[in-house]
């Protein structure tokens, strides 16, 4: 049998049939490079997404810390005293939205209890 008689005929027209082993090896080599590229791209996307998420979380945490500093300052000026422990606990566990709300309500509150319990 000759090489030409062993060749498969591609009658379905779905994909070309390789004519020799070198062509098959070349096709698989290209597939390996494609897989490696996909893996590298996925890895890099994961790193980039993680970095972006970390930056966003860092900004949000920084805003929260600034809001706490401002609220402590306003509290001390308004009520002429340091921040009590029960309020400090509320500040540390508050959301940024809660901190902003308390900051705005500082002007109208007549007591620390009114500010933080309503």
PDB file of N, CA and C in Angstrom:
ATOM      1  N   UNK A   1       0.844  -1.187   0.000  1.00  0.00           N
ATOM      2  CA  UNK A   1       0.000   0.000   0.000  1.00  0.00           C
ATOM      3  C   UNK A   1       0.877   1.234   0.000  1.00  0.00           C
ATOM      4  N   UNK A   2       0.519   2.164  -0.770  1.00  0.00           N
ATOM      5  CA  UNK A   2       1.272   3.410  -0.819  1.00  0.00           C
ATOM      6  C   UNK A   2       0.598   4.428   0.066  1.00  0.00           C
ATOM      7  N   UNK A   3       1.355   5.505   0.378  1.00  0.00           N
ATOM      8  CA  UNK A   3       0.834   6.570   1.225  1.00  0.00           C
ATOM      9  C   UNK A   3      -0.436   7.168   0.662  1.00  0.00           C
ATOM     10  N   UNK A   4      -0.491   7.254  -0.659  1.00  0.00           N
ATOM     11  CA  UNK A   4      -1.672   7.873  -1.246  1.00  0.00           C
ATOM     12  C   UNK A   4      -2.890   6.973  -1.130  1.00  0.00           C
ATOM     13  N   UNK A   5      -2.683   5.660  -1.094  1.00  0.00           N
ATOM     14  CA  UNK A   5      -3.841   4.778  -0.977  1.00  0.00           C
ATOM     15  C   UNK A   5      -4.353   4.709   0.456  1.00  0.00           C
ATOM     16  N   UNK A   6      -3.504   5.126   1.450  1.00  0.00           N
ATOM     17  CA  UNK A   6      -3.922   5.113   2.841  1.00  0.00           C
ATOM     18  C   UNK A   6      -4.624   6.402   3.266  1.00  0.00           C
ATOM     19  N   UNK A   7      -4.534   7.397   2.453  1.00  0.00           N
ATOM     20  CA  UNK A   7      -5.138   8.676   2.801  1.00  0.00           C
ATOM     21  C   UNK A   7      -6.649   8.561   2.861  1.00  0.00           C
ATOM     22  N   UNK A   8      -7.198   9.218   3.852  1.00  0.00           N
ATOM     23  CA  UNK A   8      -8.645   9.219   4.007  1.00  0.00           C
ATOM     24  C   UNK A   8      -9.257  10.251   3.079  1.00  0.00           C
ATOM     25  N   UNK A   9     -10.382   9.934   2.614  1.00  0.00           N
ATOM     26  CA  UNK A   9     -11.105  10.889   1.788  1.00  0.00           C
ATOM     27  C   UNK A   9     -12.061  11.668   2.680  1.00  0.00           C
ATOM     28  N   UNK A  10     -12.045  12.948   2.562  1.00  0.00           N
ATOM     29  CA  UNK A  10     -12.904  13.806   3.366  1.00  0.00           C
ATOM     30  C   UNK A  10     -14.175  14.083   2.568  1.00  0.00           C
ATOM     31  N   UNK A  11     -15.102  13.161   2.668  1.00  0.00           N
ATOM     32  CA  UNK A  11     -16.328  13.284   1.892  1.00  0.00           C
ATOM     33  C   UNK A  11     -17.383  14.130   2.599  1.00  0.00           C
ATOM     34  N   UNK A  12     -17.208  14.362   3.891  1.00  0.00           N
ATOM     35  CA  UNK A  12     -18.220  15.125   4.635  1.00  0.00           C
ATOM     36  C   UNK A  12     -17.981  16.622   4.573  1.00  0.00           C
ATOM     37  N   UNK A  13     -16.806  17.029   4.156  1.00  0.00           N
ATOM     38  CA  UNK A  13     -16.441  18.441   4.066  1.00  0.00           C
ATOM     39  C   UNK A  13     -16.535  19.165   5.410  1.00  0.00           C
ATOM     40  N   UNK A  14     -16.422  18.430   6.511  1.00  0.00           N
ATOM     41  CA  UNK A  14     -16.457  19.056   7.823  1.00  0.00           C
ATOM     42  C   UNK A  14     -15.113  19.660   8.186  1.00  0.00           C
ATOM     43  N   UNK A  15     -14.057  18.916   7.973  1.00  0.00           N
ATOM     44  CA  UNK A  15     -12.724  19.407   8.296  1.00  0.00           C
ATOM     45  C   UNK A  15     -11.733  18.703   7.390  1.00  0.00           C
ATOM     46  N   UNK A  16     -10.639  19.373   7.075  1.00  0.00           N
ATOM     47  CA  UNK A  16      -9.650  18.718   6.224  1.00  0.00           C
ATOM     48  C   UNK A  16      -9.016  17.538   6.944  1.00  0.00           C
ATOM     49  N   UNK A  17      -8.717  16.506   6.205  1.00  0.00           N
ATOM     50  CA  UNK A  17      -8.077  15.321   6.769  1.00  0.00           C
ATOM     51  C   UNK A  17      -6.572  15.467   6.589  1.00  0.00           C
ATOM     52  N   UNK A  18      -5.790  15.298   7.665  1.00  0.00           N
ATOM     53  CA  UNK A  18      -4.345  15.419   7.543  1.00  0.00           C
ATOM     54  C   UNK A  18      -3.782  14.355   6.618  1.00  0.00           C
ATOM     55  N   UNK A  19      -2.798  14.737   5.833  1.00  0.00           N
ATOM     56  CA  UNK A  19      -2.245  13.805   4.874  1.00  0.00           C
ATOM     57  C   UNK A  19      -1.048  13.031   5.410  1.00  0.00           C
ATOM     58  N   UNK A  20      -0.399  13.520   6.453  1.00  0.00           N
ATOM     59  CA  UNK A  20       0.716  12.767   7.018  1.00  0.00           C
ATOM     60  C   UNK A  20       0.879  13.099   8.497  1.00  0.00           C
ATOM     61  N   UNK A  21       1.760  12.367   9.159  1.00  0.00           N
ATOM     62  CA  UNK A  21       1.956  12.533  10.597  1.00  0.00           C
ATOM     63  C   UNK A  21       2.522  13.896  10.956  1.00  0.00           C
ATOM     64  N   UNK A  22       3.349  14.447  10.112  1.00  0.00           N
ATOM     65  CA  UNK A  22       3.906  15.768  10.382  1.00  0.00           C
ATOM     66  C   UNK A  22       2.802  16.815  10.450  1.00  0.00           C
ATOM     67  N   UNK A  23       1.839  16.673   9.547  1.00  0.00           N
ATOM     68  CA  UNK A  23       0.722  17.610   9.550  1.00  0.00           C
ATOM     69  C   UNK A  23      -0.107  17.451  10.834  1.00  0.00           C
ATOM     70  N   UNK A  24      -0.306  16.205  11.285  1.00  0.00           N
ATOM     71  CA  UNK A  24      -1.040  15.945  12.524  1.00  0.00           C
ATOM     72  C   UNK A  24      -0.290  16.552  13.708  1.00  0.00           C
ATOM     73  N   UNK A  25       1.026  16.341  13.746  1.00  0.00           N
ATOM     74  CA  UNK A  25       1.846  16.884  14.830  1.00  0.00           C
ATOM     75  C   UNK A  25       1.758  18.411  14.844  1.00  0.00           C
ATOM     76  N   UNK A  26       1.796  19.013  13.681  1.00  0.00           N
ATOM     77  CA  UNK A  26       1.707  20.466  13.575  1.00  0.00           C
ATOM     78  C   UNK A  26       0.349  20.959  14.082  1.00  0.00           C
ATOM     79  N   UNK A  27      -0.713  20.218  13.758  1.00  0.00           N
ATOM     80  CA  UNK A  27      -2.044  20.603  14.219  1.00  0.00           C
ATOM     81  C   UNK A  27      -2.131  20.537  15.744  1.00  0.00           C
ATOM     82  N   UNK A  28      -1.602  19.445  16.330  1.00  0.00           N
ATOM     83  CA  UNK A  28      -1.631  19.314  17.788  1.00  0.00           C
ATOM     84  C   UNK A  28      -0.748  20.352  18.460  1.00  0.00           C
ATOM     85  N   UNK A  29       0.385  20.659  17.851  1.00  0.00           N
ATOM     86  CA  UNK A  29       1.266  21.684  18.415  1.00  0.00           C
ATOM     87  C   UNK A  29       0.528  23.023  18.469  1.00  0.00           C
ATOM     88  N   UNK A  30      -0.174  23.342  17.400  1.00  0.00           N
ATOM     89  CA  UNK A  30      -0.961  24.573  17.375  1.00  0.00           C
ATOM     90  C   UNK A  30      -2.048  24.558  18.433  1.00  0.00           C
ATOM     91  N   UNK A  31      -2.648  23.388  18.651  1.00  0.00           N
ATOM     92  CA  UNK A  31      -3.678  23.258  19.669  1.00  0.00           C
ATOM     93  C   UNK A  31      -3.088  23.478  21.051  1.00  0.00           C
ATOM     94  N   UNK A  32      -1.893  22.915  21.308  1.00  0.00           N
ATOM     95  CA  UNK A  32      -1.232  23.117  22.594  1.00  0.00           C
ATOM     96  C   UNK A  32      -0.929  24.596  22.831  1.00  0.00           C
ATOM     97  N   UNK A  33      -0.452  25.282  21.798  1.00  0.00           N
ATOM     98  CA  UNK A  33      -0.184  26.712  21.928  1.00  0.00           C
ATOM     99  C   UNK A  33      -1.472  27.474  22.224  1.00  0.00           C
ATOM    100  N   UNK A  34      -2.563  27.066  21.579  1.00  0.00           N
ATOM    101  CA  UNK A  34      -3.859  27.705  21.798  1.00  0.00           C
ATOM    102  C   UNK A  34      -4.313  27.493  23.241  1.00  0.00           C
ATOM    103  N   UNK A  35      -4.181  26.260  23.740  1.00  0.00           N
ATOM    104  CA  UNK A  35      -4.559  25.967  25.127  1.00  0.00           C
ATOM    105  C   UNK A  35      -3.714  26.795  26.097  1.00  0.00           C
ATOM    106  N   UNK A  36      -2.406  26.851  25.843  1.00  0.00           N
ATOM    107  CA  UNK A  36      -1.522  27.629  26.708  1.00  0.00           C
ATOM    108  C   UNK A  36      -1.921  29.105  26.697  1.00  0.00           C
ATOM    109  N   UNK A  37      -2.249  29.615  25.542  1.00  0.00           N
ATOM    110  CA  UNK A  37      -2.663  31.019  25.423  1.00  0.00           C
ATOM    111  C   UNK A  37      -3.957  31.254  26.207  1.00  0.00           C
ATOM    112  N   UNK A  38      -4.914  30.298  26.085  1.00  0.00           N
ATOM    113  CA  UNK A  38      -6.162  30.421  26.839  1.00  0.00           C
ATOM    114  C   UNK A  38      -5.898  30.420  28.342  1.00  0.00           C
ATOM    115  N   UNK A  39      -5.044  29.531  28.793  1.00  0.00           N
ATOM    116  CA  UNK A  39      -4.714  29.442  30.212  1.00  0.00           C
ATOM    117  C   UNK A  39      -4.038  30.730  30.675  1.00  0.00           C
ATOM    118  N   UNK A  40      -3.063  31.194  29.906  1.00  0.00           N
ATOM    119  CA  UNK A  40      -2.370  32.429  30.270  1.00  0.00           C
ATOM    120  C   UNK A  40      -3.318  33.617  30.291  1.00  0.00           C
ATOM    121  N   UNK A  41      -4.192  33.695  29.288  1.00  0.00           N
ATOM    122  CA  UNK A  41      -5.161  34.802  29.243  1.00  0.00           C
ATOM    123  C   UNK A  41      -6.113  34.736  30.432  1.00  0.00           C
ATOM    124  N   UNK A  42      -6.574  33.522  30.767  1.00  0.00           N
ATOM    125  CA  UNK A  42      -7.480  33.361  31.911  1.00  0.00           C
ATOM    126  C   UNK A  42      -6.781  33.727  33.207  1.00  0.00           C
ATOM    127  N   UNK A  43      -5.546  33.298  33.350  1.00  0.00           N
ATOM    128  CA  UNK A  43      -4.750  33.604  34.543  1.00  0.00           C
ATOM    129  C   UNK A  43      -4.578  35.109  34.687  1.00  0.00           C
ATOM    130  N   UNK A  44      -4.210  35.762  33.599  1.00  0.00           N
ATOM    131  CA  UNK A  44      -3.992  37.209  33.627  1.00  0.00           C
ATOM    132  C   UNK A  44      -5.290  37.944  33.935  1.00  0.00           C
ATOM    133  N   UNK A  45      -6.405  37.469  33.359  1.00  0.00           N
ATOM    134  CA  UNK A  45      -7.702  38.101  33.632  1.00  0.00           C
ATOM    135  C   UNK A  45      -8.032  37.970  35.116  1.00  0.00           C
ATOM    136  N   UNK A  46      -7.754  36.809  35.696  1.00  0.00           N
ATOM    137  CA  UNK A  46      -7.998  36.622  37.131  1.00  0.00           C
ATOM    138  C   UNK A  46      -7.169  37.575  37.973  1.00  0.00           C
ATOM    139  N   UNK A  47      -5.913  37.737  37.602  1.00  0.00           N
ATOM    140  CA  UNK A  47      -5.031  38.661  38.315  1.00  0.00           C
ATOM    141  C   UNK A  47      -5.535  40.098  38.167  1.00  0.00           C
ATOM    142  N   UNK A  48      -5.877  40.474  36.945  1.00  0.00           N
ATOM    143  CA  UNK A  48      -6.368  41.838  36.698  1.00  0.00           C
ATOM    144  C   UNK A  48      -7.671  42.108  37.437  1.00  0.00           C
ATOM    145  N   UNK A  49      -8.591  41.125  37.402  1.00  0.00           N
ATOM    146  CA  UNK A  49      -9.865  41.288  38.109  1.00  0.00           C
ATOM    147  C   UNK A  49      -9.637  41.409  39.611  1.00  0.00           C
ATOM    148  N   UNK A  50      -8.742  40.582  40.148  1.00  0.00           N
ATOM    149  CA  UNK A  50      -8.436  40.641  41.579  1.00  0.00           C
ATOM    150  C   UNK A  50      -7.817  41.967  41.973  1.00  0.00           C
ATOM    151  N   UNK A  51      -6.915  42.456  41.145  1.00  0.00           N
ATOM    152  CA  UNK A  51      -6.282  43.754  41.413  1.00  0.00           C
ATOM    153  C   UNK A  51      -7.324  44.866  41.392  1.00  0.00           C
ATOM    154  N   UNK A  52      -8.201  44.833  40.389  1.00  0.00           N
ATOM    155  CA  UNK A  52      -9.242  45.857  40.264  1.00  0.00           C
ATOM    156  C   UNK A  52     -10.177  45.814  41.473  1.00  0.00           C
ATOM    157  N   UNK A  53     -10.567  44.604  41.879  1.00  0.00           N
ATOM    158  CA  UNK A  53     -11.452  44.464  43.038  1.00  0.00           C
ATOM    159  C   UNK A  53     -10.755  44.964  44.303  1.00  0.00           C
ATOM    160  N   UNK A  54      -9.482  44.655  44.442  1.00  0.00           N
ATOM    161  CA  UNK A  54      -8.724  45.119  45.605  1.00  0.00           C
ATOM    162  C   UNK A  54      -8.635  46.632  45.660  1.00  0.00           C
ATOM    163  N   UNK A  55      -8.428  47.255  44.523  1.00  0.00           N
ATOM    164  CA  UNK A  55      -8.364  48.719  44.464  1.00  0.00           C
ATOM    165  C   UNK A  55      -9.712  49.324  44.852  1.00  0.00           C
ATOM    166  N   UNK A  56     -10.796  48.745  44.320  1.00  0.00           N
ATOM    167  CA  UNK A  56     -12.135  49.251  44.641  1.00  0.00           C
ATOM    168  C   UNK A  56     -12.425  49.100  46.133  1.00  0.00           C
ATOM    169  N   UNK A  57     -12.080  47.941  46.697  1.00  0.00           N
ATOM    170  CA  UNK A  57     -12.306  47.721  48.129  1.00  0.00           C
ATOM    171  C   UNK A  57     -11.439  48.661  48.968  1.00  0.00           C
ATOM    172  N   UNK A  58     -10.218  48.912  48.522  1.00  0.00           N
ATOM    173  CA  UNK A  58      -9.338  49.839  49.227  1.00  0.00           C
ATOM    174  C   UNK A  58      -9.894  51.252  49.233  1.00  0.00           C
ATOM    175  N   UNK A  59     -10.429  51.678  48.109  1.00  0.00           N
ATOM    176  CA  UNK A  59     -11.036  53.016  48.036  1.00  0.00           C
ATOM    177  C   UNK A  59     -12.238  53.103  48.966  1.00  0.00           C
ATOM    178  N   UNK A  60     -13.061  52.063  48.954  1.00  0.00           N
ATOM    179  CA  UNK A  60     -14.251  52.065  49.811  1.00  0.00           C
ATOM    180  C   UNK A  60     -13.850  52.087  51.284  1.00  0.00           C
ATOM    181  N   UNK A  61     -12.839  51.315  51.654  1.00  0.00           N
ATOM    182  CA  UNK A  61     -12.368  51.291  53.036  1.00  0.00           C
ATOM    183  C   UNK A  61     -11.784  52.648  53.426  1.00  0.00           C
ATOM    184  N   UNK A  62     -11.065  53.274  52.501  1.00  0.00           N
ATOM    185  CA  UNK A  62     -10.511  54.607  52.762  1.00  0.00           C
ATOM    186  C   UNK A  62     -11.601  55.645  52.990  1.00  0.00           C
ATOM    187  N   UNK A  63     -12.663  55.575  52.202  1.00  0.00           N
ATOM    188  CA  UNK A  63     -13.790  56.501  52.384  1.00  0.00           C
ATOM    189  C   UNK A  63     -14.434  56.291  53.744  1.00  0.00           C
ATOM    190  N   UNK A  64     -14.559  55.026  54.138  1.00  0.00           N
ATOM    191  CA  UNK A  64     -15.168  54.725  55.439  1.00  0.00           C
ATOM    192  C   UNK A  64     -14.305  55.273  56.573  1.00  0.00           C
ATOM    193  N   UNK A  65     -12.996  55.081  56.480  1.00  0.00           N
ATOM    194  CA  UNK A  65     -12.095  55.603  57.510  1.00  0.00           C
ATOM    195  C   UNK A  65     -12.178  57.124  57.599  1.00  0.00           C
ATOM    196  N   UNK A  66     -12.244  57.796  56.467  1.00  0.00           N
ATOM    197  CA  UNK A  66     -12.364  59.258  56.455  1.00  0.00           C
ATOM    198  C   UNK A  66     -13.690  59.693  57.077  1.00  0.00           C
ATOM    199  N   UNK A  67     -14.766  58.972  56.765  1.00  0.00           N
ATOM    200  CA  UNK A  67     -16.073  59.315  57.329  1.00  0.00           C
ATOM    201  C   UNK A  67     -16.061  59.166  58.848  1.00  0.00           C
ATOM    202  N   UNK A  68     -15.381  58.126  59.347  1.00  0.00           N
ATOM    203  CA  UNK A  68     -15.286  57.932  60.801  1.00  0.00           C
ATOM    204  C   UNK A  68     -14.512  59.082  61.439  1.00  0.00           C
ATOM    205  N   UNK A  69     -13.420  59.482  60.826  1.00  0.00           N
ATOM    206  CA  UNK A  69     -12.617  60.597  61.350  1.00  0.00           C
ATOM    207  C   UNK A  69     -13.445  61.877  61.412  1.00  0.00           C
ATOM    208  N   UNK A  70     -14.169  62.164  60.351  1.00  0.00           N
ATOM    209  CA  UNK A  70     -15.005  63.374  60.311  1.00  0.00           C
ATOM    210  C   UNK A  70     -16.096  63.308  61.365  1.00  0.00           C
ATOM    211  N   UNK A  71     -16.755  62.152  61.470  1.00  0.00           N
ATOM    212  CA  UNK A  71     -17.837  62.011  62.443  1.00  0.00           C
ATOM    213  C   UNK A  71     -17.324  62.129  63.878  1.00  0.00           C
ATOM    214  N   UNK A  72     -16.169  61.559  64.169  1.00  0.00           N
ATOM    215  CA  UNK A  72     -15.580  61.712  65.511  1.00  0.00           C
ATOM    216  C   UNK A  72     -15.324  63.193  65.819  1.00  0.00           C
ATOM    217  N   UNK A  73     -14.765  63.890  64.842  1.00  0.00           N
ATOM    218  CA  UNK A  73     -14.456  65.308  65.020  1.00  0.00           C
ATOM    219  C   UNK A  73     -15.740  66.108  65.291  1.00  0.00           C
ATOM    220  N   UNK A  74     -16.752  65.886  64.467  1.00  0.00           N
ATOM    221  CA  UNK A  74     -18.013  66.604  64.653  1.00  0.00           C
ATOM    222  C   UNK A  74     -18.651  66.270  65.995  1.00  0.00           C
ATOM    223  N   UNK A  75     -18.589  64.996  66.385  1.00  0.00           N
ATOM    224  CA  UNK A  75     -19.157  64.569  67.668  1.00  0.00           C
ATOM    225  C   UNK A  75     -18.481  65.299  68.819  1.00  0.00           C
ATOM    226  N   UNK A  76     -17.144  65.317  68.786  1.00  0.00           N
ATOM    227  CA  UNK A  76     -16.392  65.966  69.872  1.00  0.00           C
ATOM    228  C   UNK A  76     -16.677  67.460  69.926  1.00  0.00           C
ATOM    229  N   UNK A  77     -16.820  68.115  68.784  1.00  0.00           N
ATOM    230  CA  UNK A  77     -17.132  69.544  68.761  1.00  0.00           C
ATOM    231  C   UNK A  77     -18.571  69.801  69.227  1.00  0.00           C
ATOM    232  N   UNK A  78     -19.478  68.979  68.772  1.00  0.00           N
ATOM    233  CA  UNK A  78     -20.894  69.181  69.091  1.00  0.00           C
ATOM    234  C   UNK A  78     -21.182  68.922  70.572  1.00  0.00           C
ATOM    235  N   UNK A  79     -20.649  67.802  71.105  1.00  0.00           N
ATOM    236  CA  UNK A  79     -21.010  67.397  72.460  1.00  0.00           C
ATOM    237  C   UNK A  79     -19.899  67.653  73.486  1.00  0.00           C
ATOM    238  N   UNK A  80     -18.833  68.289  73.065  1.00  0.00           N
ATOM    239  CA  UNK A  80     -17.717  68.653  73.951  1.00  0.00           C
ATOM    240  C   UNK A  80     -17.215  67.477  74.790  1.00  0.00           C
ATOM    241  N   UNK A  81     -17.150  66.335  74.171  1.00  0.00           N
ATOM    242  CA  UNK A  81     -16.630  65.161  74.878  1.00  0.00           C
ATOM    243  C   UNK A  81     -16.048  64.167  73.870  1.00  0.00           C
ATOM    244  N   UNK A  82     -15.293  63.228  74.416  1.00  0.00           N
ATOM    245  CA  UNK A  82     -14.762  62.167  73.568  1.00  0.00           C
ATOM    246  C   UNK A  82     -15.865  61.200  73.168  1.00  0.00           C
ATOM    247  N   UNK A  83     -15.580  60.373  72.212  1.00  0.00           N
ATOM    248  CA  UNK A  83     -16.559  59.409  71.719  1.00  0.00           C
ATOM    249  C   UNK A  83     -16.621  58.222  72.683  1.00  0.00           C
ATOM    250  N   UNK A  84     -17.795  57.943  73.258  1.00  0.00           N
ATOM    251  CA  UNK A  84     -17.932  56.815  74.183  1.00  0.00           C
ATOM    252  C   UNK A  84     -17.715  55.479  73.462  1.00  0.00           C
ATOM    253  N   UNK A  85     -17.380  54.457  74.241  1.00  0.00           N
ATOM    254  CA  UNK A  85     -17.105  53.135  73.682  1.00  0.00           C
ATOM    255  C   UNK A  85     -18.245  52.544  72.878  1.00  0.00           C
ATOM    256  N   UNK A  86     -19.490  52.737  73.340  1.00  0.00           N
ATOM    257  CA  UNK A  86     -20.625  52.144  72.627  1.00  0.00           C
ATOM    258  C   UNK A  86     -20.811  52.793  71.248  1.00  0.00           C
ATOM    259  N   UNK A  87     -20.473  54.075  71.149  1.00  0.00           N
ATOM    260  CA  UNK A  87     -20.557  54.759  69.854  1.00  0.00           C
ATOM    261  C   UNK A  87     -19.384  54.335  68.966  1.00  0.00           C
ATOM    262  N   UNK A  88     -18.211  54.236  69.560  1.00  0.00           N
ATOM    263  CA  UNK A  88     -17.036  53.790  68.798  1.00  0.00           C
ATOM    264  C   UNK A  88     -17.307  52.420  68.162  1.00  0.00           C
ATOM    265  N   UNK A  89     -17.954  51.548  68.915  1.00  0.00           N
ATOM    266  CA  UNK A  89     -18.315  50.219  68.402  1.00  0.00           C
ATOM    267  C   UNK A  89     -19.253  50.333  67.203  1.00  0.00           C
ATOM    268  N   UNK A  90     -20.211  51.233  67.283  1.00  0.00           N
ATOM    269  CA  UNK A  90     -21.137  51.464  66.169  1.00  0.00           C
ATOM    270  C   UNK A  90     -20.390  51.985  64.936  1.00  0.00           C
ATOM    271  N   UNK A  91     -19.456  52.897  65.163  1.00  0.00           N
ATOM    272  CA  UNK A  91     -18.710  53.479  64.049  1.00  0.00           C
ATOM    273  C   UNK A  91     -17.909  52.418  63.300  1.00  0.00           C
ATOM    274  N   UNK A  92     -17.234  51.576  64.038  1.00  0.00           N
ATOM    275  CA  UNK A  92     -16.363  50.563  63.431  1.00  0.00           C
ATOM    276  C   UNK A  92     -17.163  49.573  62.579  1.00  0.00           C
ATOM    277  N   UNK A  93     -18.374  49.265  62.999  1.00  0.00           N
ATOM    278  CA  UNK A  93     -19.175  48.265  62.290  1.00  0.00           C
ATOM    279  C   UNK A  93     -20.198  48.870  61.322  1.00  0.00           C
ATOM    280  N   UNK A  94     -20.233  50.178  61.218  1.00  0.00           N
ATOM    281  CA  UNK A  94     -21.219  50.844  60.365  1.00  0.00           C
ATOM    282  C   UNK A  94     -20.840  50.755  58.893  1.00  0.00           C
ATOM    283  N   UNK A  95     -21.864  50.890  58.063  1.00  0.00           N
ATOM    284  CA  UNK A  95     -21.625  51.014  56.622  1.00  0.00           C
ATOM    285  C   UNK A  95     -21.285  52.466  56.312  1.00  0.00           C
ATOM    286  N   UNK A  96     -20.756  52.698  55.139  1.00  0.00           N
ATOM    287  CA  UNK A  96     -20.449  54.065  54.716  1.00  0.00           C
ATOM    288  C   UNK A  96     -21.731  54.903  54.681  1.00  0.00           C
ATOM    289  N   UNK A  97     -22.821  54.310  54.258  1.00  0.00           N
ATOM    290  CA  UNK A  97     -24.094  55.037  54.195  1.00  0.00           C
ATOM    291  C   UNK A  97     -24.553  55.457  55.595  1.00  0.00           C
ATOM    292  N   UNK A  98     -24.408  54.569  56.577  1.00  0.00           N
ATOM    293  CA  UNK A  98     -24.784  54.918  57.952  1.00  0.00           C
ATOM    294  C   UNK A  98     -23.912  56.060  58.479  1.00  0.00           C
ATOM    295  N   UNK A  99     -22.617  55.985  58.204  1.00  0.00           N
ATOM    296  CA  UNK A  99     -21.706  57.041  58.660  1.00  0.00           C
ATOM    297  C   UNK A  99     -22.076  58.385  58.052  1.00  0.00           C
ATOM    298  N   UNK A 100     -22.394  58.384  56.766  1.00  0.00           N
ATOM    299  CA  UNK A 100     -22.792  59.626  56.107  1.00  0.00           C
ATOM    300  C   UNK A 100     -24.094  60.166  56.703  1.00  0.00           C
ATOM    301  N   UNK A 101     -25.037  59.282  56.979  1.00  0.00           N
ATOM    302  CA  UNK A 101     -26.305  59.698  57.584  1.00  0.00           C
ATOM    303  C   UNK A 101     -26.071  60.315  58.964  1.00  0.00           C
ATOM    304  N   UNK A 102     -25.278  59.653  59.796  1.00  0.00           N
ATOM    305  CA  UNK A 102     -24.992  60.184  61.132  1.00  0.00           C
ATOM    306  C   UNK A 102     -24.281  61.537  61.055  1.00  0.00           C
ATOM    307  N   UNK A 103     -23.384  61.665  60.076  1.00  0.00           N
ATOM    308  CA  UNK A 103     -22.668  62.933  59.915  1.00  0.00           C
ATOM    309  C   UNK A 103     -23.646  64.067  59.638  1.00  0.00           C
ATOM    310  N   UNK A 104     -24.595  63.834  58.746  1.00  0.00           N
ATOM    311  CA  UNK A 104     -25.591  64.865  58.432  1.00  0.00           C
ATOM    312  C   UNK A 104     -26.517  65.133  59.616  1.00  0.00           C
ATOM    313  N   UNK A 105     -26.840  64.107  60.366  1.00  0.00           N
ATOM    314  CA  UNK A 105     -27.754  64.274  61.505  1.00  0.00           C
ATOM    315  C   UNK A 105     -27.077  64.903  62.724  1.00  0.00           C
ATOM    316  N   UNK A 106     -25.757  64.993  62.720  1.00  0.00           N
ATOM    317  CA  UNK A 106     -25.031  65.572  63.853  1.00  0.00           C
ATOM    318  C   UNK A 106     -25.508  66.988  64.157  1.00  0.00           C
ATOM    319  N   UNK A 107     -25.802  67.768  63.119  1.00  0.00           N
ATOM    320  CA  UNK A 107     -26.190  69.161  63.307  1.00  0.00           C
ATOM    321  C   UNK A 107     -27.479  69.311  64.110  1.00  0.00           C
ATOM    322  N   UNK A 108     -28.427  68.394  63.938  1.00  0.00           N
ATOM    323  CA  UNK A 108     -29.733  68.533  64.589  1.00  0.00           C
ATOM    324  C   UNK A 108     -29.858  67.745  65.884  1.00  0.00           C
ATOM    325  N   UNK A 109     -28.983  66.801  66.124  1.00  0.00           N
ATOM    326  CA  UNK A 109     -29.102  65.954  67.316  1.00  0.00           C
ATOM    327  C   UNK A 109     -28.834  66.757  68.585  1.00  0.00           C
ATOM    328  N   UNK A 110     -29.640  66.509  69.606  1.00  0.00           N
ATOM    329  CA  UNK A 110     -29.471  67.193  70.892  1.00  0.00           C
ATOM    330  C   UNK A 110     -28.624  66.382  71.873  1.00  0.00           C
ATOM    331  N   UNK A 111     -28.439  65.094  71.566  1.00  0.00           N
ATOM    332  CA  UNK A 111     -27.632  64.236  72.443  1.00  0.00           C
ATOM    333  C   UNK A 111     -27.036  63.102  71.612  1.00  0.00           C
ATOM    334  N   UNK A 112     -25.976  62.482  72.130  1.00  0.00           N
ATOM    335  CA  UNK A 112     -25.395  61.326  71.425  1.00  0.00           C
ATOM    336  C   UNK A 112     -26.415  60.199  71.222  1.00  0.00           C
ATOM    337  N   UNK A 113     -27.252  59.989  72.235  1.00  0.00           N
ATOM    338  CA  UNK A 113     -28.265  58.946  72.122  1.00  0.00           C
ATOM    339  C   UNK A 113     -29.242  59.230  70.975  1.00  0.00           C
ATOM    340  N   UNK A 114     -29.652  60.485  70.860  1.00  0.00           N
ATOM    341  CA  UNK A 114     -30.556  60.860  69.777  1.00  0.00           C
ATOM    342  C   UNK A 114     -29.890  60.652  68.413  1.00  0.00           C
ATOM    343  N   UNK A 115     -28.637  60.989  68.341  1.00  0.00           N
ATOM    344  CA  UNK A 115     -27.913  60.846  67.071  1.00  0.00           C
ATOM    345  C   UNK A 115     -27.784  59.394  66.630  1.00  0.00           C
ATOM    346  N   UNK A 116     -27.476  58.508  67.569  1.00  0.00           N
ATOM    347  CA  UNK A 116     -27.145  57.135  67.190  1.00  0.00           C
ATOM    348  C   UNK A 116     -28.235  56.104  67.437  1.00  0.00           C
ATOM    349  N   UNK A 117     -29.348  56.504  68.002  1.00  0.00           N
ATOM    350  CA  UNK A 117     -30.402  55.513  68.257  1.00  0.00           C
ATOM    351  C   UNK A 117     -31.650  55.740  67.414  1.00  0.00           C
ATOM    352  N   UNK A 118     -31.722  56.819  66.701  1.00  0.00           N
ATOM    353  CA  UNK A 118     -32.904  57.063  65.870  1.00  0.00           C
ATOM    354  C   UNK A 118     -32.611  56.762  64.424  1.00  0.00           C
TER     355      UNK A 118
END
